Amino acid sequence: MPPPAFDKLRALAIGSQAIGLIVIITLETVMGNAARPWQGVVLAGMLATALSIALMRVYRRKRHQKQLAERRRKAEEDDER
């Protein structure tokens, strides 16, 4: 089965990184050098979001592989009968 044309996790990853970048630039513009600690917090949030999305992607891929393996096993059992 081909992958879906629209990947929600990819869209979420791109959107979260874009929002983080906009927030970092806005903080620098508004606060100047005082924005550095807040930019670090935003960057940490961006990294945490990226990591969680990557883990969700791995979980979904493994679950899909298990489902395919189960279908194959059932098909083989049916062919043996």
C-alpha atoms as a PDB file:
ATOM      1  CA  MET A   1       0.000   0.000   0.000  1.00  0.00           C
ATOM      2  CA  PRO A   2       1.519   3.373  -0.947  1.00  0.00           C
ATOM      3  CA  PRO A   3       2.049   5.965   1.761  1.00  0.00           C
ATOM      4  CA  PRO A   4      -0.662   8.604   2.105  1.00  0.00           C
ATOM      5  CA  ALA A   5      -0.260  11.780   0.082  1.00  0.00           C
ATOM      6  CA  PHE A   6      -0.562  13.936   3.211  1.00  0.00           C
ATOM      7  CA  ASP A   7       1.538  12.969   6.221  1.00  0.00           C
ATOM      8  CA  LYS A   8       0.135  14.539   9.396  1.00  0.00           C
ATOM      9  CA  LEU A   9       3.325  13.977  11.380  1.00  0.00           C
ATOM     10  CA  ARG A  10       5.456  15.655   8.727  1.00  0.00           C
ATOM     11  CA  ALA A  11       3.076  18.620   8.612  1.00  0.00           C
ATOM     12  CA  LEU A  12       3.169  18.838  12.416  1.00  0.00           C
ATOM     13  CA  ALA A  13       6.970  18.750  12.420  1.00  0.00           C
ATOM     14  CA  ILE A  14       7.263  21.457   9.775  1.00  0.00           C
ATOM     15  CA  GLY A  15       4.641  23.619  11.467  1.00  0.00           C
ATOM     16  CA  SER A  16       6.188  23.358  14.921  1.00  0.00           C
ATOM     17  CA  GLN A  17       9.647  24.228  13.606  1.00  0.00           C
ATOM     18  CA  ALA A  18       8.269  27.193  11.652  1.00  0.00           C
ATOM     19  CA  ILE A  19       6.407  28.498  14.710  1.00  0.00           C
ATOM     20  CA  GLY A  20       9.527  28.073  16.851  1.00  0.00           C
ATOM     21  CA  LEU A  21      11.648  29.991  14.374  1.00  0.00           C
ATOM     22  CA  ILE A  22       9.087  32.799  14.213  1.00  0.00           C
ATOM     23  CA  VAL A  23       8.978  32.994  18.020  1.00  0.00           C
ATOM     24  CA  ILE A  24      12.784  33.105  18.251  1.00  0.00           C
ATOM     25  CA  ILE A  25      13.023  35.909  15.680  1.00  0.00           C
ATOM     26  CA  THR A  26      10.166  37.815  17.336  1.00  0.00           C
ATOM     27  CA  LEU A  27      11.816  37.542  20.760  1.00  0.00           C
ATOM     28  CA  GLU A  28      15.079  38.899  19.342  1.00  0.00           C
ATOM     29  CA  THR A  29      13.250  41.764  17.655  1.00  0.00           C
ATOM     30  CA  VAL A  30      11.207  42.741  20.711  1.00  0.00           C
ATOM     31  CA  MET A  31      13.599  42.062  23.566  1.00  0.00           C
ATOM     32  CA  GLY A  32      17.048  42.387  22.020  1.00  0.00           C
ATOM     33  CA  ASN A  33      19.813  40.630  23.974  1.00  0.00           C
ATOM     34  CA  ALA A  34      17.465  39.966  26.906  1.00  0.00           C
ATOM     35  CA  ALA A  35      15.729  37.380  24.738  1.00  0.00           C
ATOM     36  CA  ARG A  36      18.617  34.881  24.890  1.00  0.00           C
ATOM     37  CA  PRO A  37      17.296  32.752  27.797  1.00  0.00           C
ATOM     38  CA  TRP A  38      13.801  32.680  26.290  1.00  0.00           C
ATOM     39  CA  GLN A  39      15.200  31.712  22.920  1.00  0.00           C
ATOM     40  CA  GLY A  40      16.921  28.789  24.636  1.00  0.00           C
ATOM     41  CA  VAL A  41      13.610  27.718  26.136  1.00  0.00           C
ATOM     42  CA  VAL A  42      11.923  27.911  22.732  1.00  0.00           C
ATOM     43  CA  LEU A  43      14.768  25.926  21.161  1.00  0.00           C
ATOM     44  CA  ALA A  44      14.463  23.259  23.864  1.00  0.00           C
ATOM     45  CA  GLY A  45      10.734  23.062  23.161  1.00  0.00           C
ATOM     46  CA  MET A  46      11.407  22.709  19.447  1.00  0.00           C
ATOM     47  CA  LEU A  47      13.852  19.876  20.097  1.00  0.00           C
ATOM     48  CA  ALA A  48      11.439  18.120  22.456  1.00  0.00           C
ATOM     49  CA  THR A  49       8.671  18.391  19.872  1.00  0.00           C
ATOM     50  CA  ALA A  50      10.921  17.045  17.110  1.00  0.00           C
ATOM     51  CA  LEU A  51      11.976  14.123  19.305  1.00  0.00           C
ATOM     52  CA  SER A  52       8.407  13.230  20.217  1.00  0.00           C
ATOM     53  CA  ILE A  53       7.329  13.373  16.558  1.00  0.00           C
ATOM     54  CA  ALA A  54      10.246  11.127  15.600  1.00  0.00           C
ATOM     55  CA  LEU A  55       9.264   8.638  18.306  1.00  0.00           C
ATOM     56  CA  MET A  56       5.649   8.664  17.114  1.00  0.00           C
ATOM     57  CA  ARG A  57       6.851   7.977  13.571  1.00  0.00           C
ATOM     58  CA  VAL A  58       8.961   5.013  14.728  1.00  0.00           C
ATOM     59  CA  TYR A  59       6.040   3.662  16.787  1.00  0.00           C
ATOM     60  CA  ARG A  60       3.647   3.898  13.833  1.00  0.00           C
ATOM     61  CA  ARG A  61       6.140   2.246  11.489  1.00  0.00           C
ATOM     62  CA  LYS A  62       6.728  -0.654  13.907  1.00  0.00           C
ATOM     63  CA  ARG A  63       2.991  -1.081  14.454  1.00  0.00           C
ATOM     64  CA  HIS A  64       2.422  -1.158  10.692  1.00  0.00           C
ATOM     65  CA  GLN A  65       5.172  -3.761  10.257  1.00  0.00           C
ATOM     66  CA  LYS A  66       3.596  -5.950  12.952  1.00  0.00           C
ATOM     67  CA  GLN A  67       0.203  -5.687  11.276  1.00  0.00           C
ATOM     68  CA  LEU A  68       1.702  -6.699   7.924  1.00  0.00           C
ATOM     69  CA  ALA A  69       3.506  -9.642   9.509  1.00  0.00           C
ATOM     70  CA  GLU A  70       0.272 -10.774  11.182  1.00  0.00           C
ATOM     71  CA  ARG A  71      -1.626 -10.576   7.891  1.00  0.00           C
ATOM     72  CA  ARG A  72       1.069 -12.607   6.138  1.00  0.00           C
ATOM     73  CA  ARG A  73       1.023 -15.213   8.899  1.00  0.00           C
ATOM     74  CA  LYS A  74      -2.761 -15.535   8.659  1.00  0.00           C
ATOM     75  CA  ALA A  75      -2.585 -15.758   4.872  1.00  0.00           C
ATOM     76  CA  GLU A  76      -0.007 -18.534   5.103  1.00  0.00           C
ATOM     77  CA  GLU A  77      -2.172 -20.424   7.603  1.00  0.00           C
ATOM     78  CA  ASP A  78      -5.175 -20.101   5.300  1.00  0.00           C
ATOM     79  CA  ASP A  79      -3.127 -21.374   2.333  1.00  0.00           C
ATOM     80  CA  GLU A  80      -2.036 -24.426   4.315  1.00  0.00           C
ATOM     81  CA  ARG A  81      -5.635 -25.431   4.982  1.00  0.00           C
END
